[in-house]
Amino acid sequence: MTTARDYAFAAGDVLGYAGDRGSPGIPHLHFMAYTAGANGWSSRQSVPLKFAEGYDLPEIGGCNQHGGKVLTAMSLQDPAVTFTSAALPSGWYNVDHQIDFSVAWGGGGLSQAWNAEPPADQPMFPGAYDGYARLADMGEGWHTLYVRAWGPDGRQTLASYGPVGYDISPPVLVAMPQTLTLAREQAITLVWPAASDLLSGVAGYRLYLGPDPAGESEWFVTEPSVTAPPLAPGTCWLRVKPLDNAGNVGVWQTVMAIVVE
């Protein structure tokens, strides 16, 4: 049969009849959708198709569209929303990750919103099957994405993804450098002020303890303290750099000069 844009099939309508032309002994229904010239045959171009059952047939050129693919029609169900993202729920991130979502058994459209359920009266995006949102859409903080999907028969499903944290601010350490005098061969626990981070929280500190007043290292501790072994005579510098749970880093700061006599 020939269809027209926005034509809807009702339950029970006949779409076609199975036969075995072209594949003797294998009853089948040859189904394709394409645009063509005025004569109905020239300049043929296949049309991408989506079905409520979840079948997705992209445009592949010509009119022999998706030959051999078996599609099974099923009764309509509630829309099912699937999310995919590199940003996992309950995690903190300092990169603007994208959250993608797609709808099976959809076709009636969808709506989306951060931190609140979208209205149920009508879809924001009629006819849409998929969409996305980015963490930076809402700025820094702890956010949940809500998606409401409509099926072709008006059924609705509300789904959510999150919460997911977005934090691009580095932790802050406020410390006035102190001078400490130690006797030779004396071990001691060194303590400095704790850093602060209002979003993802402080994960720990990179630590340098040595003779270079601008030294850096990969030494890592989770608390603002360290037990130092006996130090060689002279001056050592304790420098720290705070890190937060989203991967942001502060700046190196000298928090203590240690003079060993």
Protein backbone atom coordinates (compact mmCIF):
# COMPACT_ATOMS: atom_id res chain seq x y z
CA MET A 1 0.00 0.00 0.00
CA THR A 2 1.02 3.65 -0.34
CA THR A 3 1.12 5.87 2.74
CA ALA A 4 1.27 9.61 3.37
CA ARG A 5 3.08 11.72 5.94
CA ASP A 6 1.44 11.49 9.41
CA TYR A 7 -0.83 8.64 8.29
CA ALA A 8 -1.67 6.42 11.27
CA PHE A 9 -2.52 2.73 11.11
CA ALA A 10 -5.22 1.54 13.48
CA ALA A 11 -5.04 -1.78 15.28
CA GLY A 12 -6.30 -4.46 12.91
CA ASP A 13 -5.48 -2.61 9.66
CA VAL A 14 -4.05 -4.77 6.88
CA LEU A 15 -0.53 -3.66 5.95
CA GLY A 16 0.13 -6.28 3.29
CA TYR A 17 -0.02 -9.96 2.40
CA ALA A 18 2.69 -12.56 2.78
CA GLY A 19 3.92 -14.36 -0.32
CA ASP A 20 7.04 -16.08 -1.65
CA ARG A 21 7.91 -13.99 -4.71
CA GLY A 22 11.69 -13.64 -4.96
CA SER A 23 12.17 -16.25 -2.24
CA PRO A 24 10.30 -19.37 -3.40
CA GLY A 25 9.16 -21.53 -0.51
CA ILE A 26 9.74 -18.78 2.09
CA PRO A 27 6.51 -16.86 2.73
CA HIS A 28 7.30 -13.27 3.62
CA LEU A 29 6.05 -9.71 3.37
CA HIS A 30 8.36 -7.40 1.43
CA PHE A 31 8.21 -4.15 3.39
CA MET A 32 10.10 -0.93 2.60
CA ALA A 33 9.68 2.81 2.93
CA TYR A 34 11.28 5.25 0.51
CA THR A 35 10.84 8.52 -1.33
CA ALA A 36 10.86 8.63 -5.13
CA GLY A 37 10.24 10.79 -8.16
CA ALA A 38 6.79 11.62 -9.50
CA ASN A 39 6.64 8.27 -11.28
CA GLY A 40 7.03 6.51 -7.92
CA TRP A 41 10.22 4.71 -8.95
CA SER A 42 13.05 7.03 -10.01
CA SER A 43 15.47 8.68 -7.52
CA ARG A 44 14.53 6.21 -4.83
CA GLN A 45 15.89 6.91 -1.34
CA SER A 46 15.12 4.82 1.72
CA VAL A 47 13.60 6.49 4.77
CA PRO A 48 14.81 5.92 8.37
CA LEU A 49 12.22 4.14 10.47
CA LYS A 50 11.64 3.70 14.19
CA PHE A 51 9.09 1.32 15.69
CA ALA A 52 7.52 1.33 19.13
CA GLU A 53 8.84 -2.19 19.71
CA GLY A 54 12.35 -0.74 19.68
CA TYR A 55 13.37 -1.54 16.09
CA ASP A 56 15.55 1.20 14.57
CA LEU A 57 16.15 1.07 10.81
CA PRO A 58 18.51 3.85 9.66
CA GLU A 59 18.61 5.24 6.13
CA ILE A 60 20.84 2.99 4.00
CA GLY A 61 20.22 4.20 0.43
CA GLY A 62 18.16 2.71 -2.39
CA CYS A 63 14.90 0.90 -1.76
CA ASN A 64 16.03 -2.62 -0.80
CA GLN A 65 15.79 -1.53 2.78
CA HIS A 66 17.18 -3.86 5.45
CA GLY A 67 16.65 -7.00 3.41
CA GLY A 68 16.32 -10.11 5.54
CA LYS A 69 15.60 -8.36 8.84
CA VAL A 70 12.74 -9.97 10.74
CA LEU A 71 10.47 -7.56 12.62
CA THR A 72 7.96 -8.95 15.08
CA ALA A 73 4.99 -6.79 15.99
CA MET A 74 3.94 -6.92 19.63
CA SER A 75 1.21 -5.36 21.73
CA LEU A 76 1.93 -1.83 22.91
CA GLN A 77 3.68 -1.46 26.24
CA ASP A 78 4.62 1.38 28.56
CA PRO A 79 7.56 3.41 27.19
CA ALA A 80 10.96 2.23 28.46
CA VAL A 81 13.72 4.83 28.95
CA THR A 82 17.38 3.79 28.76
CA PHE A 83 20.23 6.06 29.90
CA THR A 84 23.91 5.91 28.91
CA SER A 85 26.73 8.12 30.18
CA ALA A 86 30.33 8.04 31.30
CA ALA A 87 29.13 9.93 34.39
CA LEU A 88 27.76 7.32 36.79
CA PRO A 89 25.14 8.01 39.46
CA SER A 90 26.51 8.97 42.89
CA GLY A 91 29.82 10.10 41.34
CA TRP A 92 31.45 13.53 41.22
CA TYR A 93 32.94 14.85 37.95
CA ASN A 94 34.86 17.93 36.85
CA VAL A 95 34.19 17.26 33.14
CA ASP A 96 30.98 18.27 31.35
CA HIS A 97 29.76 14.73 30.63
CA GLN A 98 26.74 14.10 28.43
CA ILE A 99 23.85 11.91 29.54
CA ASP A 100 22.11 10.28 26.55
CA PHE A 101 18.70 8.64 26.72
CA SER A 102 16.52 6.72 24.30
CA VAL A 103 12.96 5.40 24.45
CA ALA A 104 11.61 2.03 23.37
CA TRP A 105 7.86 1.76 22.93
CA GLY A 106 7.87 5.51 22.44
CA GLY A 107 6.85 7.78 19.61
CA GLY A 108 4.54 10.15 21.44
CA GLY A 109 7.36 12.46 22.46
CA LEU A 110 9.30 13.24 25.60
CA SER A 111 10.11 15.93 28.16
CA GLN A 112 13.18 16.38 30.35
CA ALA A 113 14.14 18.47 33.36
CA TRP A 114 16.85 18.70 36.00
CA ASN A 115 15.97 18.14 39.66
CA ALA A 116 12.20 18.16 39.09
CA GLU A 117 9.66 15.99 37.32
CA PRO A 118 8.63 17.51 33.95
CA PRO A 119 4.90 18.26 33.53
CA ALA A 120 2.66 15.40 32.40
CA ASP A 121 0.24 17.45 30.27
CA GLN A 122 2.13 17.35 26.96
CA PRO A 123 5.64 16.53 25.71
CA MET A 124 8.27 19.22 25.23
CA PHE A 125 9.53 17.36 22.14
CA PRO A 126 6.60 15.73 20.29
CA GLY A 127 7.54 12.60 18.34
CA ALA A 128 11.06 12.41 19.79
CA TYR A 129 12.55 9.02 20.68
CA ASP A 130 15.85 10.16 22.18
CA GLY A 131 17.71 13.14 23.61
CA TYR A 132 20.52 14.20 25.91
CA ALA A 133 21.52 16.59 28.67
CA ARG A 134 24.90 17.84 29.88
CA LEU A 135 26.10 18.28 33.44
CA ALA A 136 27.03 21.91 32.82
CA ASP A 137 23.39 22.69 31.94
CA MET A 138 22.70 23.12 35.65
CA GLY A 139 26.14 24.24 36.82
CA GLU A 140 27.99 22.95 39.84
CA GLY A 141 26.13 20.82 42.32
CA TRP A 142 24.37 17.52 42.88
CA HIS A 143 21.73 16.93 40.19
CA THR A 144 19.20 14.34 38.98
CA LEU A 145 17.89 14.19 35.39
CA TYR A 146 14.20 13.33 34.90
CA VAL A 147 12.75 12.16 31.58
CA ARG A 148 9.05 11.66 30.87
CA ALA A 149 8.27 9.62 27.75
CA TRP A 150 4.99 9.20 25.88
CA GLY A 151 4.05 6.13 23.87
CA PRO A 152 2.10 6.23 20.59
CA ASP A 153 -1.09 5.49 22.53
CA GLY A 154 -0.51 8.19 25.16
CA ARG A 155 0.97 5.95 27.87
CA GLN A 156 3.62 7.67 29.99
CA THR A 157 6.76 6.62 31.82
CA LEU A 158 8.80 8.79 34.18
CA ALA A 159 12.46 7.80 34.58
CA SER A 160 15.41 9.40 36.34
CA TYR A 161 19.20 9.29 36.24
CA GLY A 162 21.37 10.35 39.13
CA PRO A 163 22.12 12.05 41.29
CA VAL A 164 25.35 13.03 39.57
CA GLY A 165 27.77 15.62 40.96
CA TYR A 166 29.45 18.35 38.89
CA ASP A 167 32.33 20.23 40.52
CA ILE A 168 34.91 22.33 38.69
CA SER A 169 36.12 24.38 41.68
CA PRO A 170 39.44 23.37 43.26
CA PRO A 171 39.73 22.84 47.02
CA VAL A 172 41.08 25.75 49.07
CA LEU A 173 43.81 25.61 51.69
CA VAL A 174 44.40 28.62 53.92
CA ALA A 175 47.60 28.26 55.94
CA MET A 176 50.20 30.63 57.33
CA PRO A 177 53.70 29.09 56.98
CA GLN A 178 55.19 28.06 60.33
CA THR A 179 58.76 27.43 61.41
CA LEU A 180 59.52 24.38 63.53
CA THR A 181 62.86 23.58 65.17
CA LEU A 182 63.77 19.94 65.77
CA ALA A 183 66.65 18.14 67.40
CA ARG A 184 68.67 15.79 65.25
CA GLU A 185 67.32 12.21 65.02
CA GLN A 186 63.90 13.34 66.28
CA ALA A 187 60.78 11.87 64.61
CA ILE A 188 57.61 13.95 64.69
CA THR A 189 54.04 14.08 63.37
CA LEU A 190 53.52 17.19 61.25
CA VAL A 191 50.03 18.71 61.09
CA TRP A 192 48.66 21.49 58.87
CA PRO A 193 45.20 23.15 58.52
CA ALA A 194 42.60 21.11 56.67
CA ALA A 195 41.58 22.27 53.20
CA SER A 196 37.92 22.97 52.38
CA ASP A 197 35.75 22.03 49.41
CA LEU A 198 32.04 22.89 49.50
CA LEU A 199 30.95 20.44 46.76
CA SER A 200 32.65 17.06 46.30
CA GLY A 201 34.78 17.28 49.45
CA VAL A 202 38.51 16.97 50.03
CA ALA A 203 40.05 13.66 48.92
CA GLY A 204 43.54 14.28 50.32
CA TYR A 205 46.86 16.02 49.75
CA ARG A 206 49.94 15.76 47.58
CA LEU A 207 52.92 16.13 49.88
CA TYR A 208 56.54 17.24 49.57
CA LEU A 209 59.04 17.11 52.44
CA GLY A 210 62.60 17.99 51.47
CA PRO A 211 65.28 20.64 51.00
CA ASP A 212 63.77 22.34 47.91
CA PRO A 213 61.64 25.39 48.90
CA ALA A 214 59.69 24.94 45.64
CA GLY A 215 59.62 21.12 45.71
CA GLU A 216 56.77 18.93 44.47
CA SER A 217 56.09 15.18 44.57
CA GLU A 218 53.40 12.52 44.04
CA TRP A 219 53.35 11.49 47.71
CA PHE A 220 49.68 11.36 48.75
CA VAL A 221 47.98 11.32 52.15
CA THR A 222 44.27 11.45 52.94
CA GLU A 223 44.52 13.44 56.18
CA PRO A 224 46.24 16.78 56.91
CA SER A 225 49.07 15.15 58.83
CA VAL A 226 52.12 12.97 58.29
CA THR A 227 54.65 11.24 60.54
CA ALA A 228 58.10 12.32 59.42
CA PRO A 229 61.18 10.14 59.88
CA PRO A 230 64.29 11.65 61.47
CA LEU A 231 65.54 14.39 59.17
CA ALA A 232 69.07 15.38 58.20
CA PRO A 233 70.52 18.56 59.70
CA GLY A 234 69.53 21.73 57.85
CA THR A 235 66.21 23.15 56.67
CA CYS A 236 63.40 21.06 55.18
CA TRP A 237 60.22 22.37 53.64
CA LEU A 238 56.77 20.84 54.03
CA ARG A 239 54.60 21.67 51.01
CA VAL A 240 51.09 20.40 50.28
CA LYS A 241 48.55 20.56 47.45
CA PRO A 242 44.88 19.64 48.16
CA LEU A 243 42.77 17.45 45.85
CA ASP A 244 38.98 17.02 45.86
CA ASN A 245 36.78 14.02 45.03
CA ALA A 246 35.94 15.32 41.54
CA GLY A 247 39.60 15.44 40.48
CA ASN A 248 40.21 19.16 40.95
CA VAL A 249 43.54 20.20 42.47
CA GLY A 250 44.57 23.24 44.44
CA VAL A 251 47.98 24.94 44.37
CA TRP A 252 51.19 23.92 46.06
CA GLN A 253 51.69 25.81 49.33
CA THR A 254 54.50 25.83 51.83
CA VAL A 255 52.95 25.20 55.23
CA MET A 256 56.08 24.63 57.30
CA ALA A 257 59.83 25.22 57.42
CA ILE A 258 61.57 22.63 59.60
CA VAL A 259 64.99 23.48 60.99
CA VAL A 260 66.97 20.46 62.21
CA GLU A 261 69.85 21.38 64.54
